Structure formats: structure tokens, C-alpha cells
C-alpha atoms as a PDB file:
ATOM      1  CA  MET A   1      37.562  11.596  10.246  1.00  0.00           C
ATOM      2  CA  LYS A   2      33.895  10.159   9.781  1.00  0.00           C
ATOM      3  CA  LEU A   3      32.963   7.961   6.797  1.00  0.00           C
ATOM      4  CA  ASP A   4      30.912   9.745   4.322  1.00  0.00           C
ATOM      5  CA  PRO A   5      29.332   8.826   1.034  1.00  0.00           C
ATOM      6  CA  THR A   6      31.644  11.288  -0.894  1.00  0.00           C
ATOM      7  CA  SER A   7      34.776   9.716   0.086  1.00  0.00           C
ATOM      8  CA  LEU A   8      33.385   6.029  -0.424  1.00  0.00           C
ATOM      9  CA  ARG A   9      32.122   7.104  -4.064  1.00  0.00           C
ATOM     10  CA  LEU A  10      35.744   8.574  -4.852  1.00  0.00           C
ATOM     11  CA  PHE A  11      37.147   5.476  -3.720  1.00  0.00           C
ATOM     12  CA  VAL A  12      34.771   3.440  -5.749  1.00  0.00           C
ATOM     13  CA  ARG A  13      35.735   5.817  -8.660  1.00  0.00           C
ATOM     14  CA  VAL A  14      39.478   5.309  -8.202  1.00  0.00           C
ATOM     15  CA  ALA A  15      39.281   1.616  -8.231  1.00  0.00           C
ATOM     16  CA  GLU A  16      36.998   1.093 -11.449  1.00  0.00           C
ATOM     17  CA  MET A  17      39.174   4.014 -13.408  1.00  0.00           C
ATOM     18  CA  GLY A  18      42.298   2.326 -12.278  1.00  0.00           C
ATOM     19  CA  THR A  19      44.159   5.648 -11.656  1.00  0.00           C
ATOM     20  CA  ILE A  20      43.545   8.992  -9.418  1.00  0.00           C
ATOM     21  CA  THR A  21      43.754  11.236 -12.268  1.00  0.00           C
ATOM     22  CA  GLY A  22      41.364   9.408 -14.244  1.00  0.00           C
ATOM     23  CA  ALA A  23      38.952   9.540 -11.238  1.00  0.00           C
ATOM     24  CA  ALA A  24      39.309  12.942 -10.394  1.00  0.00           C
ATOM     25  CA  ASP A  25      38.678  13.892 -14.046  1.00  0.00           C
ATOM     26  CA  ALA A  26      35.574  11.738 -14.055  1.00  0.00           C
ATOM     27  CA  GLU A  27      34.336  13.583 -10.891  1.00  0.00           C
ATOM     28  CA  PHE A  28      35.303  17.139 -11.927  1.00  0.00           C
ATOM     29  CA  ILE A  29      37.560  17.565  -8.987  1.00  0.00           C
ATOM     30  CA  ALA A  30      41.140  18.249  -8.200  1.00  0.00           C
ATOM     31  CA  THR A  31      43.512  15.204  -8.106  1.00  0.00           C
ATOM     32  CA  SER A  32      45.104  16.297  -4.765  1.00  0.00           C
ATOM     33  CA  ALA A  33      41.471  16.394  -3.190  1.00  0.00           C
ATOM     34  CA  VAL A  34      41.000  12.863  -4.199  1.00  0.00           C
ATOM     35  CA  SER A  35      44.477  11.818  -3.080  1.00  0.00           C
ATOM     36  CA  LYS A  36      43.599  13.345   0.439  1.00  0.00           C
ATOM     37  CA  ARG A  37      40.098  11.547   0.566  1.00  0.00           C
ATOM     38  CA  LEU A  38      42.108   8.363  -0.016  1.00  0.00           C
ATOM     39  CA  SER A  39      44.697   8.896   2.564  1.00  0.00           C
ATOM     40  CA  GLU A  40      42.009   9.890   5.086  1.00  0.00           C
ATOM     41  CA  LEU A  41      40.225   6.542   4.499  1.00  0.00           C
ATOM     42  CA  GLU A  42      43.553   4.604   4.897  1.00  0.00           C
ATOM     43  CA  SER A  43      44.304   6.312   8.198  1.00  0.00           C
ATOM     44  CA  HIS A  44      40.514   5.931   9.243  1.00  0.00           C
ATOM     45  CA  PHE A  45      40.805   2.039   8.614  1.00  0.00           C
ATOM     46  CA  SER A  46      44.361   1.839   9.831  1.00  0.00           C
ATOM     47  CA  THR A  47      45.354  -0.135   6.809  1.00  0.00           C
ATOM     48  CA  PRO A  48      46.441   0.656   3.076  1.00  0.00           C
ATOM     49  CA  LEU A  49      43.700   0.271   0.530  1.00  0.00           C
ATOM     50  CA  LEU A  50      45.885   1.021  -2.617  1.00  0.00           C
ATOM     51  CA  HIS A  51      49.031   0.342  -4.049  1.00  0.00           C
ATOM     52  CA  ARG A  52      50.215   3.058  -6.020  1.00  0.00           C
ATOM     53  CA  ASN A  53      52.673   2.813  -9.162  1.00  0.00           C
ATOM     54  CA  ASN A  54      53.394   4.111 -12.537  1.00  0.00           C
ATOM     55  CA  ARG A  55      50.413   2.478 -14.277  1.00  0.00           C
ATOM     56  CA  GLY A  56      48.136   3.638 -11.435  1.00  0.00           C
ATOM     57  CA  VAL A  57      46.598   2.122  -8.501  1.00  0.00           C
ATOM     58  CA  GLU A  58      45.644  -1.561  -7.687  1.00  0.00           C
ATOM     59  CA  LEU A  59      43.903  -2.638  -4.454  1.00  0.00           C
ATOM     60  CA  THR A  60      45.032  -4.460  -1.467  1.00  0.00           C
ATOM     61  CA  PRO A  61      42.716  -7.079   0.056  1.00  0.00           C
ATOM     62  CA  ALA A  62      41.417  -4.519   2.439  1.00  0.00           C
ATOM     63  CA  GLY A  63      40.796  -2.240  -0.761  1.00  0.00           C
ATOM     64  CA  ASN A  64      38.792  -5.186  -2.420  1.00  0.00           C
ATOM     65  CA  ALA A  65      36.802  -5.618   0.612  1.00  0.00           C
ATOM     66  CA  LEU A  66      36.060  -1.953   0.803  1.00  0.00           C
ATOM     67  CA  LEU A  67      34.869  -1.858  -2.680  1.00  0.00           C
ATOM     68  CA  HIS A  68      32.446  -4.518  -2.078  1.00  0.00           C
ATOM     69  CA  LEU A  69      31.008  -3.018   0.725  1.00  0.00           C
ATOM     70  CA  SER A  70      31.053   0.500  -0.403  1.00  0.00           C
ATOM     71  CA  ARG A  71      28.999  -0.476  -3.681  1.00  0.00           C
ATOM     72  CA  GLY A  72      26.427  -1.946  -1.484  1.00  0.00           C
ATOM     73  CA  VAL A  73      26.316   1.071   0.938  1.00  0.00           C
ATOM     74  CA  LEU A  74      26.288   3.319  -1.961  1.00  0.00           C
ATOM     75  CA  HIS A  75      23.461   1.428  -3.596  1.00  0.00           C
ATOM     76  CA  ASN A  76      21.570   1.348  -0.408  1.00  0.00           C
ATOM     77  CA  LEU A  77      21.695   5.274  -0.177  1.00  0.00           C
ATOM     78  CA  GLU A  78      20.611   5.688  -3.756  1.00  0.00           C
ATOM     79  CA  ASP A  79      17.667   3.504  -3.109  1.00  0.00           C
ATOM     80  CA  LEU A  80      17.001   5.445   0.092  1.00  0.00           C
ATOM     81  CA  ASP A  81      16.888   8.736  -1.847  1.00  0.00           C
ATOM     82  CA  LEU A  82      14.620   7.352  -4.543  1.00  0.00           C
ATOM     83  CA  GLN A  83      12.145   6.055  -1.654  1.00  0.00           C
ATOM     84  CA  MET A  84      12.138   9.340   0.164  1.00  0.00           C
ATOM     85  CA  ARG A  85      11.562  11.295  -2.883  1.00  0.00           C
ATOM     86  CA  ASP A  86       8.529   8.927  -3.425  1.00  0.00           C
ATOM     87  CA  TYR A  87       7.273  10.464   0.179  1.00  0.00           C
ATOM     88  CA  THR A  88       8.058  13.995  -1.364  1.00  0.00           C
ATOM     89  CA  SER A  89       6.088  13.232  -4.393  1.00  0.00           C
ATOM     90  CA  GLY A  90       3.250  11.596  -2.576  1.00  0.00           C
ATOM     91  CA  GLU A  91       3.687   8.007  -3.933  1.00  0.00           C
ATOM     92  CA  ARG A  92       4.463   6.736  -0.603  1.00  0.00           C
ATOM     93  CA  GLY A  93       3.631   7.672   3.053  1.00  0.00           C
ATOM     94  CA  ILE A  94       1.179   7.066   5.991  1.00  0.00           C
ATOM     95  CA  ILE A  95      -1.730   9.424   6.141  1.00  0.00           C
ATOM     96  CA  ARG A  96      -3.092   9.688   9.892  1.00  0.00           C
ATOM     97  CA  ILE A  97      -6.977  10.335   9.477  1.00  0.00           C
ATOM     98  CA  PHE A  98      -9.508  11.042  12.406  1.00  0.00           C
ATOM     99  CA  ALA A  99     -13.094  10.903  11.326  1.00  0.00           C
ATOM    100  CA  ASN A 100     -16.549  10.775  12.703  1.00  0.00           C
ATOM    101  CA  MET A 101     -18.816   7.770  12.759  1.00  0.00           C
ATOM    102  CA  SER A 102     -20.987   9.331   9.883  1.00  0.00           C
ATOM    103  CA  ALA A 103     -18.104   9.837   7.437  1.00  0.00           C
ATOM    104  CA  ILE A 104     -16.616   6.380   8.178  1.00  0.00           C
ATOM    105  CA  THR A 105     -19.956   4.378   7.806  1.00  0.00           C
ATOM    106  CA  GLN A 106     -21.279   6.299   4.720  1.00  0.00           C
ATOM    107  CA  TYR A 107     -18.484   8.084   2.461  1.00  0.00           C
ATOM    108  CA  LEU A 108     -14.947   6.808   3.504  1.00  0.00           C
ATOM    109  CA  PRO A 109     -14.973   3.192   2.666  1.00  0.00           C
ATOM    110  CA  GLY A 110     -15.742   3.665  -1.128  1.00  0.00           C
ATOM    111  CA  GLU A 111     -13.648   6.811  -1.341  1.00  0.00           C
ATOM    112  CA  THR A 112     -10.541   5.368   0.272  1.00  0.00           C
ATOM    113  CA  GLN A 113     -10.619   2.133  -1.953  1.00  0.00           C
ATOM    114  CA  ALA A 114     -10.834   4.540  -5.063  1.00  0.00           C
ATOM    115  CA  PHE A 115      -7.770   6.452  -3.588  1.00  0.00           C
ATOM    116  CA  PHE A 116      -5.886   3.130  -2.999  1.00  0.00           C
ATOM    117  CA  GLU A 117      -6.453   2.356  -6.608  1.00  0.00           C
ATOM    118  CA  LYS A 118      -4.579   5.260  -7.546  1.00  0.00           C
ATOM    119  CA  HIS A 119      -2.080   5.383  -4.916  1.00  0.00           C
ATOM    120  CA  PRO A 120      -1.271   1.697  -3.803  1.00  0.00           C
ATOM    121  CA  ASP A 121       1.867   2.494  -1.669  1.00  0.00           C
ATOM    122  CA  ILE A 122       0.150   5.182   0.420  1.00  0.00           C
ATOM    123  CA  GLY A 123      -1.223   3.761   3.807  1.00  0.00           C
ATOM    124  CA  VAL A 124      -4.138   5.256   5.842  1.00  0.00           C
ATOM    125  CA  GLN A 125      -4.483   5.058   9.594  1.00  0.00           C
ATOM    126  CA  LEU A 126      -7.929   5.741  10.136  1.00  0.00           C
ATOM    127  CA  GLU A 127      -9.471   6.188  13.701  1.00  0.00           C
ATOM    128  CA  GLU A 128     -13.057   7.145  14.840  1.00  0.00           C
ATOM    129  CA  LYS A 129     -13.603  10.005  17.178  1.00  0.00           C
ATOM    130  CA  VAL A 130     -16.128  12.307  17.927  1.00  0.00           C
ATOM    131  CA  SER A 131     -16.444  15.837  16.403  1.00  0.00           C
ATOM    132  CA  PRO A 132     -15.203  17.915  19.061  1.00  0.00           C
ATOM    133  CA  VAL A 133     -12.303  15.681  19.667  1.00  0.00           C
ATOM    134  CA  ILE A 134     -11.137  15.522  15.904  1.00  0.00           C
ATOM    135  CA  THR A 135     -10.708  19.454  15.781  1.00  0.00           C
ATOM    136  CA  ARG A 136      -8.750  19.412  18.706  1.00  0.00           C
ATOM    137  CA  GLU A 137      -6.394  16.672  17.839  1.00  0.00           C
ATOM    138  CA  ILE A 138      -6.029  18.218  14.309  1.00  0.00           C
ATOM    139  CA  MET A 139      -5.063  21.571  16.097  1.00  0.00           C
ATOM    140  CA  ALA A 140      -2.594  19.501  18.294  1.00  0.00           C
ATOM    141  CA  ASN A 141      -1.246  17.768  15.139  1.00  0.00           C
ATOM    142  CA  GLY A 142      -2.641  14.343  16.628  1.00  0.00           C
ATOM    143  CA  ALA A 143      -3.590  13.493  13.074  1.00  0.00           C
ATOM    144  CA  ASP A 144      -3.090  14.862   9.402  1.00  0.00           C
ATOM    145  CA  ILE A 145      -6.759  15.283   8.476  1.00  0.00           C
ATOM    146  CA  GLY A 146      -9.845  15.335  10.323  1.00  0.00           C
ATOM    147  CA  ILE A 147     -13.466  14.925   8.987  1.00  0.00           C
ATOM    148  CA  CYS A 148     -16.380  15.579  11.038  1.00  0.00           C
ATOM    149  CA  ALA A 149     -19.455  17.857  11.454  1.00  0.00           C
ATOM    150  CA  LYS A 150     -19.051  21.351  11.062  1.00  0.00           C
ATOM    151  CA  LEU A 151     -19.447  22.806  14.501  1.00  0.00           C
ATOM    152  CA  PRO A 152     -17.911  25.845  16.319  1.00  0.00           C
ATOM    153  CA  HIS A 153     -14.362  24.873  17.590  1.00  0.00           C
ATOM    154  CA  GLY A 154     -12.533  27.889  18.163  1.00  0.00           C
ATOM    155  CA  TYR A 155      -9.480  26.946  16.455  1.00  0.00           C
ATOM    156  CA  ASP A 156      -7.419  28.159  13.639  1.00  0.00           C
ATOM    157  CA  LEU A 157      -7.910  25.233  11.059  1.00  0.00           C
ATOM    158  CA  ALA A 158      -8.278  25.073   7.306  1.00  0.00           C
ATOM    159  CA  GLU A 159     -11.760  24.067   6.683  1.00  0.00           C
ATOM    160  CA  LEU A 160     -12.924  22.401   3.640  1.00  0.00           C
ATOM    161  CA  PRO A 161     -16.375  21.414   2.398  1.00  0.00           C
ATOM    162  CA  TYR A 162     -16.994  17.581   2.158  1.00  0.00           C
ATOM    163  CA  HIS A 163     -20.616  15.908   2.096  1.00  0.00           C
ATOM    164  CA  THR A 164     -23.909  17.059   3.402  1.00  0.00           C
ATOM    165  CA  ASP A 165     -25.709  14.625   5.797  1.00  0.00           C
ATOM    166  CA  GLU A 166     -29.512  14.281   5.999  1.00  0.00           C
ATOM    167  CA  LEU A 167     -30.361  13.543   9.455  1.00  0.00           C
ATOM    168  CA  VAL A 168     -33.807  11.487   9.777  1.00  0.00           C
ATOM    169  CA  LEU A 169     -35.999  10.285  12.564  1.00  0.00           C
ATOM    170  CA  VAL A 170     -36.155   6.590  13.057  1.00  0.00           C
ATOM    171  CA  THR A 171     -39.374   5.036  14.816  1.00  0.00           C
ATOM    172  CA  PRO A 172     -40.557   1.658  15.665  1.00  0.00           C
ATOM    173  CA  LEU A 173     -43.253   0.374  13.324  1.00  0.00           C
ATOM    174  CA  ASN A 174     -45.916   0.844  16.016  1.00  0.00           C
ATOM    175  CA  HIS A 175     -44.822   4.120  17.277  1.00  0.00           C
ATOM    176  CA  PRO A 176     -47.254   7.001  17.209  1.00  0.00           C
ATOM    177  CA  LEU A 177     -45.440   9.079  14.861  1.00  0.00           C
ATOM    178  CA  ALA A 178     -44.670   6.112  12.565  1.00  0.00           C
ATOM    179  CA  ASN A 179     -47.415   7.219  10.278  1.00  0.00           C
ATOM    180  CA  ARG A 180     -46.259  10.657   9.553  1.00  0.00           C
ATOM    181  CA  ASP A 181     -44.769  11.863   6.294  1.00  0.00           C
ATOM    182  CA  ALA A 182     -42.120  14.228   7.830  1.00  0.00           C
ATOM    183  CA  ILE A 183     -41.798  15.927  11.117  1.00  0.00           C
ATOM    184  CA  ASP A 184     -40.579  18.898  13.031  1.00  0.00           C
ATOM    185  CA  PHE A 185     -38.271  17.920  15.609  1.00  0.00           C
ATOM    186  CA  ARG A 186     -39.991  19.844  18.369  1.00  0.00           C
ATOM    187  CA  ASP A 187     -43.124  17.461  17.739  1.00  0.00           C
ATOM    188  CA  SER A 188     -40.968  14.383  18.554  1.00  0.00           C
ATOM    189  CA  LEU A 189     -39.845  15.811  22.045  1.00  0.00           C
ATOM    190  CA  GLU A 190     -42.900  14.278  23.883  1.00  0.00           C
ATOM    191  CA  HIS A 191     -41.217  10.803  23.102  1.00  0.00           C
ATOM    192  CA  ALA A 192     -38.418   9.018  24.681  1.00  0.00           C
ATOM    193  CA  TYR A 193     -35.246   8.902  22.599  1.00  0.00           C
ATOM    194  CA  VAL A 194     -32.368   6.558  21.875  1.00  0.00           C
ATOM    195  CA  GLY A 195     -29.497   8.712  21.665  1.00  0.00           C
ATOM    196  CA  LEU A 196     -25.541   8.484  20.625  1.00  0.00           C
ATOM    197  CA  HIS A 197     -23.002   9.042  23.203  1.00  0.00           C
ATOM    198  CA  SER A 198     -22.725  12.300  24.890  1.00  0.00           C
ATOM    199  CA  SER A 199     -19.941  14.077  22.983  1.00  0.00           C
ATOM    200  CA  SER A 200     -21.201  12.953  19.473  1.00  0.00           C
ATOM    201  CA  ALA A 201     -22.098  16.141  17.201  1.00  0.00           C
ATOM    202  CA  ILE A 202     -25.548  14.671  16.523  1.00  0.00           C
ATOM    203  CA  ASN A 203     -26.508  14.386  20.232  1.00  0.00           C
ATOM    204  CA  LEU A 204     -25.047  17.997  21.018  1.00  0.00           C
ATOM    205  CA  GLN A 205     -27.405  19.023  18.018  1.00  0.00           C
ATOM    206  CA  LEU A 206     -30.247  17.121  19.444  1.00  0.00           C
ATOM    207  CA  LEU A 207     -29.787  18.838  22.718  1.00  0.00           C
ATOM    208  CA  LYS A 208     -29.275  22.303  21.312  1.00  0.00           C
ATOM    209  CA  ALA A 209     -32.455  21.902  19.332  1.00  0.00           C
ATOM    210  CA  ALA A 210     -34.562  20.782  22.220  1.00  0.00           C
ATOM    211  CA  SER A 211     -33.354  23.924  24.556  1.00  0.00           C
ATOM    212  CA  LEU A 212     -34.211  26.178  21.559  1.00  0.00           C
ATOM    213  CA  ALA A 213     -37.670  24.512  21.912  1.00  0.00           C
ATOM    214  CA  ASN A 214     -37.928  24.837  25.602  1.00  0.00           C
ATOM    215  CA  ARG A 215     -38.241  21.141  25.856  1.00  0.00           C
ATOM    216  CA  PRO A 216     -36.175  18.474  27.378  1.00  0.00           C
ATOM    217  CA  LEU A 217     -34.703  15.687  25.429  1.00  0.00           C
ATOM    218  CA  ARG A 218     -35.733  12.508  27.051  1.00  0.00           C
ATOM    219  CA  LEU A 219     -32.713  10.048  26.629  1.00  0.00           C
ATOM    220  CA  ARG A 220     -33.737   6.803  27.984  1.00  0.00           C
ATOM    221  CA  ILE A 221     -30.599   4.829  26.649  1.00  0.00           C
ATOM    222  CA  GLN A 222     -27.609   6.109  24.843  1.00  0.00           C
ATOM    223  CA  VAL A 223     -25.320   3.914  22.574  1.00  0.00           C
ATOM    224  CA  THR A 224     -22.196   4.374  20.736  1.00  0.00           C
ATOM    225  CA  SER A 225     -23.166   3.282  16.965  1.00  0.00           C
ATOM    226  CA  TYR A 226     -25.723   3.667  14.515  1.00  0.00           C
ATOM    227  CA  ASP A 227     -26.730   0.028  14.274  1.00  0.00           C
ATOM    228  CA  ALA A 228     -27.034  -0.217  17.905  1.00  0.00           C
ATOM    229  CA  LEU A 229     -29.416   2.726  17.976  1.00  0.00           C
ATOM    230  CA  CYS A 230     -31.347   1.418  15.086  1.00  0.00           C
ATOM    231  CA  LEU A 231     -31.631  -2.181  17.190  1.00  0.00           C
ATOM    232  CA  MET A 232     -32.944  -0.237  20.336  1.00  0.00           C
ATOM    233  CA  VAL A 233     -35.427   1.613  18.301  1.00  0.00           C
ATOM    234  CA  GLN A 234     -36.714  -1.601  16.530  1.00  0.00           C
ATOM    235  CA  ALA A 235     -37.055  -3.067  20.301  1.00  0.00           C
ATOM    236  CA  GLY A 236     -39.329  -0.090  21.292  1.00  0.00           C
ATOM    237  CA  LEU A 237     -36.950   1.701  23.655  1.00  0.00           C
ATOM    238  CA  GLY A 238     -37.313   4.835  21.770  1.00  0.00           C
ATOM    239  CA  ILE A 239     -36.892   7.120  18.710  1.00  0.00           C
ATOM    240  CA  GLY A 240     -33.594   8.190  17.224  1.00  0.00           C
ATOM    241  CA  VAL A 241     -31.890  10.266  14.916  1.00  0.00           C
ATOM    242  CA  VAL A 242     -29.259   9.245  12.377  1.00  0.00           C
ATOM    243  CA  PRO A 243     -27.928  10.260   8.674  1.00  0.00           C
ATOM    244  CA  ARG A 244     -29.983   8.832   6.203  1.00  0.00           C
ATOM    245  CA  GLY A 245     -26.854   7.470   4.477  1.00  0.00           C
ATOM    246  CA  ALA A 246     -26.143   5.443   7.380  1.00  0.00           C
ATOM    247  CA  ILE A 247     -29.560   4.176   7.952  1.00  0.00           C
ATOM    248  CA  ARG A 248     -29.564   2.427   4.482  1.00  0.00           C
ATOM    249  CA  GLN A 249     -26.801   0.323   5.792  1.00  0.00           C
ATOM    250  CA  TYR A 250     -28.437  -0.848   8.787  1.00  0.00           C
ATOM    251  CA  VAL A 251     -32.074  -1.416   7.865  1.00  0.00           C
ATOM    252  CA  GLY A 252     -31.879  -4.318   5.849  1.00  0.00           C
ATOM    253  CA  GLY A 253     -33.074  -6.576   8.632  1.00  0.00           C
ATOM    254  CA  LEU A 254     -35.038  -4.288  10.726  1.00  0.00           C
ATOM    255  CA  GLN A 255     -38.493  -3.432  11.357  1.00  0.00           C
ATOM    256  CA  VAL A 256     -38.513   0.382  11.608  1.00  0.00           C
ATOM    257  CA  ARG A 257     -39.728   3.503   9.803  1.00  0.00           C
ATOM    258  CA  VAL A 258     -37.894   6.543   8.662  1.00  0.00           C
ATOM    259  CA  LEU A 259     -39.174  10.155   8.816  1.00  0.00           C
ATOM    260  CA  PRO A 260     -37.409  13.298   7.263  1.00  0.00           C
ATOM    261  CA  ILE A 261     -37.012  15.933   9.891  1.00  0.00           C
ATOM    262  CA  ARG A 262     -38.169  19.451   8.373  1.00  0.00           C
ATOM    263  CA  ASP A 263     -35.644  21.615  10.606  1.00  0.00           C
ATOM    264  CA  ASP A 264     -32.987  23.160   8.716  1.00  0.00           C
ATOM    265  CA  TRP A 265     -30.287  21.710  10.890  1.00  0.00           C
ATOM    266  CA  ALA A 266     -31.274  18.225   9.670  1.00  0.00           C
ATOM    267  CA  LYS A 267     -29.208  18.894   6.700  1.00  0.00           C
ATOM    268  CA  ARG A 268     -25.734  18.688   8.411  1.00  0.00           C
ATOM    269  CA  PRO A 269     -22.503  19.686   6.607  1.00  0.00           C
ATOM    270  CA  LEU A 270     -19.382  17.727   7.092  1.00  0.00           C
ATOM    271  CA  CYS A 271     -16.033  19.218   6.610  1.00  0.00           C
ATOM    272  CA  ILE A 272     -12.321  18.050   6.308  1.00  0.00           C
ATOM    273  CA  TYR A 273     -10.089  19.834   8.702  1.00  0.00           C
ATOM    274  CA  VAL A 274      -6.399  20.298   8.367  1.00  0.00           C
ATOM    275  CA  ASN A 275      -3.965  22.218  10.508  1.00  0.00           C
ATOM    276  CA  ASN A 276      -2.200  24.010   7.466  1.00  0.00           C
ATOM    277  CA  ILE A 277      -2.984  23.156   4.170  1.00  0.00           C
ATOM    278  CA  ASP A 278       0.377  24.082   2.718  1.00  0.00           C
ATOM    279  CA  ARG A 279       2.281  22.115   5.334  1.00  0.00           C
ATOM    280  CA  ILE A 280       0.721  18.730   5.205  1.00  0.00           C
ATOM    281  CA  SER A 281       2.543  15.818   3.604  1.00  0.00           C
ATOM    282  CA  MET A 282       1.964  15.207  -0.182  1.00  0.00           C
ATOM    283  CA  ALA A 283       0.444  12.111   0.579  1.00  0.00           C
ATOM    284  CA  ALA A 284      -2.105  13.879   2.826  1.00  0.00           C
ATOM    285  CA  ARG A 285      -2.714  16.447   0.387  1.00  0.00           C
ATOM    286  CA  LEU A 286      -3.394  14.064  -2.351  1.00  0.00           C
ATOM    287  CA  PHE A 287      -5.895  12.332  -0.043  1.00  0.00           C
ATOM    288  CA  VAL A 288      -7.647  15.706   0.563  1.00  0.00           C
ATOM    289  CA  ASP A 289      -7.777  16.615  -3.069  1.00  0.00           C
ATOM    290  CA  HIS A 290      -9.335  13.072  -3.666  1.00  0.00           C
ATOM    291  CA  LEU A 291     -11.826  13.381  -1.111  1.00  0.00           C
ATOM    292  CA  ILE A 292     -13.215  16.936  -2.442  1.00  0.00           C
ATOM    293  CA  GLU A 293     -13.219  15.783  -6.046  1.00  0.00           C
ATOM    294  CA  SER A 294     -15.372  12.698  -4.928  1.00  0.00           C
ATOM    295  CA  SER A 295     -17.540  14.768  -2.914  1.00  0.00           C
ATOM    296  CA  ASN A 296     -18.049  17.297  -5.846  1.00  0.00           C
ATOM    297  CA  ASN A 297     -18.729  14.173  -8.136  1.00  0.00           C
ATOM    298  CA  SER A 298     -21.449  12.988  -5.916  1.00  0.00           C
ATOM    299  CA  LYS A 299     -23.123  16.285  -5.792  1.00  0.00           C
ATOM    300  CA  GLN A 300     -23.449  16.246  -9.439  1.00  0.00           C
ATOM    301  CA  GLN A 301     -25.220  12.718  -9.529  1.00  0.00           C
ATOM    302  CA  PRO A 302     -28.900  12.801  -9.736  1.00  0.00           C
ATOM    303  CA  VAL A 303     -30.509  11.892  -6.452  1.00  0.00           C
ATOM    304  CA  ILE A 304     -33.424   9.528  -7.024  1.00  0.00           C
ATOM    305  CA  GLU A 305     -35.434   9.778  -3.549  1.00  0.00           C
ATOM    306  CA  LYS A 306     -37.975   7.383  -2.556  1.00  0.00           C
ATOM    307  CA  SER A 307     -41.304   8.662  -2.347  1.00  0.00           C
ATOM    308  CA  ASP A 308     -43.177   9.617   0.671  1.00  0.00           C
ATOM    309  CA  ARG A 309     -45.276   6.733   0.456  1.00  0.00           C
ATOM    310  CA  ALA A 310     -41.840   4.465   0.475  1.00  0.00           C
ATOM    311  CA  LEU A 311     -40.655   6.273   3.374  1.00  0.00           C
ATOM    312  CA  LYS A 312     -43.678   5.380   5.321  1.00  0.00           C
ATOM    313  CA  ALA A 313     -43.444   1.775   4.354  1.00  0.00           C
ATOM    314  CA  PRO A 314     -41.365  -0.503   6.672  1.00  0.00           C
ATOM    315  CA  LEU A 315     -37.671  -0.672   5.511  1.00  0.00           C
ATOM    316  CA  ILE A 316     -36.916  -4.501   6.052  1.00  0.00           C
END
């Protein structure tokens, strides 16, 4: 015999009722079945647990010990069941998320904080990855949710619209392009660039756009973050392309200028990717729904843009 919760629960009920018949009636089970369970328990522990008499049953010292231990075990099992039901409902859980730098620096901090206010017992494991790696890892179930630029990936993934990035050109104050109101990307290709790392979606987009313009992209130096790129631009090492939302976080102490890029690809959609929307955990589904709702709400808010003259002014 292997111990099981049913046998322990019946034993506790017999001890509380004082009779096997009373316990059987309370549990809606045959008296003989309860007696069999009790006999199996005594055989398993090789010791009497009950003294049977005309009035009912009395616990032996071993029976008293088992009653105390059984109540603890059954309580823990009930607590386990309740907590696991919380996971099923989404009230508890851990969500694994891979996101690109743009999503992490611009959108996820505030949106994740708002999510935690609604669901304080859900944890998030967030890792920064480049966009091509994110879609590959979501397909391989390396994470529950991926957030990155919309790129061809060839995987059978659920793709949900998120925010839209506006890519802008950042130049030093004394750069030949600094006094322009806006720029076509091809007109910037005669100048040296500070680029992001090779596998980043922005770097891949710039290489593609340069190829379509039949011009080389002159990468003088490559870095791994937006703030590093802005610092390199300020130092005069070249010009660079970053999301407008990200540049607002880094230009506070920098002497740089920001130019809108006229090309259509400069409006870059970000997407949420999951392997199968119907099979992700409830906690992950709640987070996806929250991100989509936050994105939709932000699109409905009026956007106050700086004038062209303000864009030309140094952002310091």
C-alpha cells in the first residue's frame, strides 16, 4: 500500500466522529470501504491505530500521532491546491520575457509597473535580446513572450501589434547635417555612422536601406546601447539612428541634434510574439492583454510634438 490523501482523510474523519459508521455516512462511502482503508493503514505502519469497542473507536498512541501528522499533511495539500489554482487563474506565476532594447527602454518599465499593481504575486523574468534571436527563442519555447521589431522570421508564431517606433537621426551640434529640418536617409550615407551591434534590428534595417540606395553604410564604430551611441555621436565620431522615444531619455546632458527621417521604414512597428496564444500560461496571457491595452490607450492619447525649430535646437 502507498499512503494517499483519501486514506488519511478517512482516518481523520473516523477519529473526529468516533465511529466508523458515522465517518462513512459523512463521507458518503460504504462502512466496509472505510474499514478496509483503516486496516491497510495499520498494516502499512505495522501498528494498531484504533481500539474498536461497542461505543465506537478510540485512538491508540500511534493513532494520536498519525491524527496530528495527517491534519498537517491534509492542510498542506489544501494549501498547495489553492496556490496552484492561483497559478491557473493567473494570480500567481513567473513570466519569461525576451524583449529588444527599444521595448525595454521606452515602454516596458511603466507598463510592467502598472501590471504589478494589478497582479502583485506574478513575477517577470525579463532579458534583453536582439530581434532575430527573440523570434527564434519564442519558437523554441525559450521564453513565454517576445517583444521586438517586426521582421521576417519564417516561424509559425502568433504576432500581435504593440507600439510603433519613430527612428530619428542624431548628429553632433557642429555636423554638416545638423541644421536640416528633416532628412532622407540616402542623403546621410556620405557621413560616418555610429552603429548598434551587428544583429540588432536597427542595424539590419540601415544596412538594407543603404543597399537599396546603392550606397555603403560607413560604420566607424558599433556599440550595444542607445546611451553609448549618443555619447559617441556627441564626441563627434559619427551620426546615428535611434528611436525617438529612447533619445528623450539620453539627451538630457548631451549636446546633440535630432532630425526626423522621411523614409517610410523610419516608422517601425514593434510586435508581441508568442508560440501559441491558446497555450501560454494564464499569467502570460494576462500580461499580453495588459500590454496590448496599454499600447491601444497610448495611441489614443494626443501627441504633442516639438516644432521643427525646437528639433533643430540643441537638446541639453
